[in-house]
């Protein structure tokens, strides 16, 4: 049972990480140079996504 829960938890962590990375990438592409704060938020979301994928 515990092994199953761990597998499900890591699966959801990967899904959340990938979705955060995609959202951050979309924000990063869609911003104009004048919206510097949105670009920073996009970069932070991409980094958070990759960190969530790589955590064990």
N, C-alpha and C. Protein backbone atom coordinates (compact mmCIF):
# COMPACT_ATOMS: atom_id res chain seq x y z
N UNK A 1 0.82 -1.19 0.00
CA UNK A 1 0.00 0.00 0.00
C UNK A 1 0.87 1.25 0.00
N UNK A 2 1.88 1.26 0.87
CA UNK A 2 2.75 2.42 0.97
C UNK A 2 3.53 2.64 -0.34
N UNK A 3 3.96 1.53 -0.96
CA UNK A 3 4.70 1.62 -2.21
C UNK A 3 3.81 2.21 -3.30
N UNK A 4 2.54 1.82 -3.32
CA UNK A 4 1.59 2.35 -4.29
C UNK A 4 1.40 3.85 -4.11
N UNK A 5 1.26 4.30 -2.86
CA UNK A 5 1.06 5.72 -2.59
C UNK A 5 2.29 6.53 -3.02
N UNK A 6 3.48 5.97 -2.81
CA UNK A 6 4.70 6.65 -3.20
C UNK A 6 4.77 6.81 -4.72
N UNK A 7 4.34 5.76 -5.44
CA UNK A 7 4.34 5.80 -6.89
C UNK A 7 3.34 6.85 -7.40
N UNK A 8 2.16 6.90 -6.79
CA UNK A 8 1.14 7.87 -7.18
C UNK A 8 1.62 9.28 -6.88
N UNK A 9 2.26 9.48 -5.71
CA UNK A 9 2.76 10.80 -5.33
C UNK A 9 3.82 11.29 -6.31
N UNK A 10 4.74 10.43 -6.70
CA UNK A 10 5.79 10.84 -7.63
C UNK A 10 5.20 11.12 -9.02
N UNK A 11 4.15 10.38 -9.39
CA UNK A 11 3.50 10.61 -10.68
C UNK A 11 2.85 11.99 -10.70
N UNK A 12 2.14 12.35 -9.64
CA UNK A 12 1.51 13.66 -9.58
C UNK A 12 2.55 14.78 -9.51
N UNK A 13 3.67 14.52 -8.82
CA UNK A 13 4.73 15.51 -8.74
C UNK A 13 5.31 15.79 -10.13
N UNK A 14 5.47 14.75 -10.94
CA UNK A 14 5.97 14.94 -12.30
C UNK A 14 4.96 15.70 -13.15
N UNK A 15 3.68 15.38 -13.01
CA UNK A 15 2.65 16.07 -13.79
C UNK A 15 2.61 17.55 -13.42
N UNK A 16 2.66 17.86 -12.12
CA UNK A 16 2.66 19.25 -11.68
C UNK A 16 3.91 19.96 -12.15
N UNK A 17 5.06 19.30 -12.09
CA UNK A 17 6.30 19.90 -12.54
C UNK A 17 6.28 20.22 -14.03
N UNK A 18 5.78 19.29 -14.83
CA UNK A 18 5.71 19.52 -16.27
C UNK A 18 4.74 20.65 -16.58
N UNK A 19 3.59 20.68 -15.89
CA UNK A 19 2.61 21.73 -16.16
C UNK A 19 3.15 23.10 -15.74
N UNK A 20 3.87 23.18 -14.61
CA UNK A 20 4.47 24.45 -14.21
C UNK A 20 5.51 24.91 -15.23
N UNK A 21 6.30 23.97 -15.72
CA UNK A 21 7.29 24.32 -16.74
C UNK A 21 6.66 24.83 -18.02
N UNK A 22 5.58 24.18 -18.45
CA UNK A 22 4.89 24.61 -19.67
C UNK A 22 4.25 25.98 -19.48
N UNK A 23 3.59 26.20 -18.34
CA UNK A 23 2.98 27.51 -18.08
C UNK A 23 4.05 28.59 -18.04
N UNK A 24 5.16 28.32 -17.39
CA UNK A 24 6.25 29.29 -17.34
C UNK A 24 6.82 29.58 -18.72
N UNK A 25 6.95 28.54 -19.55
CA UNK A 25 7.46 28.72 -20.91
C UNK A 25 6.51 29.57 -21.74
N UNK A 26 5.19 29.32 -21.61
CA UNK A 26 4.20 30.11 -22.35
C UNK A 26 4.24 31.56 -21.91
N UNK A 27 4.33 31.80 -20.60
CA UNK A 27 4.42 33.18 -20.11
C UNK A 27 5.68 33.84 -20.63
N UNK A 28 6.78 33.10 -20.64
CA UNK A 28 8.06 33.66 -21.08
C UNK A 28 8.02 34.03 -22.56
N UNK A 29 7.36 33.22 -23.39
CA UNK A 29 7.28 33.50 -24.81
C UNK A 29 6.33 34.66 -25.10
N UNK A 30 5.22 34.74 -24.36
CA UNK A 30 4.18 35.69 -24.70
C UNK A 30 4.40 37.10 -24.17
N UNK A 31 5.37 37.30 -23.29
CA UNK A 31 5.54 38.65 -22.72
C UNK A 31 6.35 39.52 -23.66
N UNK A 32 6.08 40.79 -23.58
CA UNK A 32 6.87 41.77 -24.31
C UNK A 32 8.01 42.23 -23.40
N UNK A 33 9.02 42.88 -23.95
CA UNK A 33 10.15 43.31 -23.12
C UNK A 33 9.76 44.29 -22.01
N UNK A 34 8.60 44.93 -22.15
CA UNK A 34 8.19 45.90 -21.14
C UNK A 34 7.65 45.24 -19.88
N UNK A 35 7.25 44.00 -19.98
CA UNK A 35 6.67 43.30 -18.83
C UNK A 35 7.73 42.40 -18.21
N UNK A 36 8.69 43.01 -17.58
CA UNK A 36 9.83 42.30 -17.02
C UNK A 36 9.42 41.38 -15.88
N UNK A 37 8.46 41.80 -15.08
CA UNK A 37 8.03 40.99 -13.93
C UNK A 37 7.39 39.69 -14.40
N UNK A 38 6.60 39.74 -15.48
CA UNK A 38 6.00 38.51 -16.01
C UNK A 38 7.07 37.56 -16.53
N UNK A 39 8.13 38.11 -17.13
CA UNK A 39 9.22 37.27 -17.60
C UNK A 39 9.91 36.58 -16.43
N UNK A 40 10.10 37.29 -15.34
CA UNK A 40 10.72 36.69 -14.15
C UNK A 40 9.83 35.59 -13.59
N UNK A 41 8.50 35.83 -13.55
CA UNK A 41 7.57 34.82 -13.07
C UNK A 41 7.63 33.57 -13.96
N UNK A 42 7.72 33.77 -15.27
CA UNK A 42 7.82 32.64 -16.19
C UNK A 42 9.07 31.82 -15.94
N UNK A 43 10.19 32.50 -15.74
CA UNK A 43 11.45 31.79 -15.48
C UNK A 43 11.37 31.02 -14.16
N UNK A 44 10.77 31.64 -13.15
CA UNK A 44 10.63 30.98 -11.85
C UNK A 44 9.75 29.74 -11.97
N UNK A 45 8.66 29.82 -12.74
CA UNK A 45 7.78 28.66 -12.92
C UNK A 45 8.50 27.53 -13.65
N UNK A 46 9.31 27.87 -14.64
CA UNK A 46 10.08 26.84 -15.35
C UNK A 46 11.05 26.15 -14.39
N UNK A 47 11.75 26.93 -13.58
CA UNK A 47 12.70 26.36 -12.63
C UNK A 47 11.99 25.49 -11.60
N UNK A 48 10.84 25.96 -11.10
CA UNK A 48 10.08 25.16 -10.13
C UNK A 48 9.63 23.85 -10.76
N UNK A 49 9.21 23.90 -12.02
CA UNK A 49 8.78 22.68 -12.69
C UNK A 49 9.90 21.67 -12.81
N UNK A 50 11.08 22.13 -13.22
CA UNK A 50 12.20 21.20 -13.36
C UNK A 50 12.65 20.66 -12.00
N UNK A 51 12.59 21.50 -10.96
CA UNK A 51 12.98 21.01 -9.64
C UNK A 51 11.99 19.97 -9.12
N UNK A 52 10.70 20.16 -9.38
CA UNK A 52 9.72 19.18 -8.94
C UNK A 52 9.88 17.85 -9.68
N UNK A 53 10.26 17.92 -10.94
CA UNK A 53 10.47 16.68 -11.70
C UNK A 53 11.68 15.93 -11.16
N UNK A 54 12.74 16.65 -10.81
CA UNK A 54 13.99 16.00 -10.42
C UNK A 54 14.04 15.60 -8.95
N UNK A 55 13.14 16.08 -8.10
CA UNK A 55 13.14 15.70 -6.69
C UNK A 55 12.72 14.25 -6.53
N UNK A 56 13.31 13.59 -5.55
CA UNK A 56 12.95 12.18 -5.31
C UNK A 56 12.43 12.02 -3.91
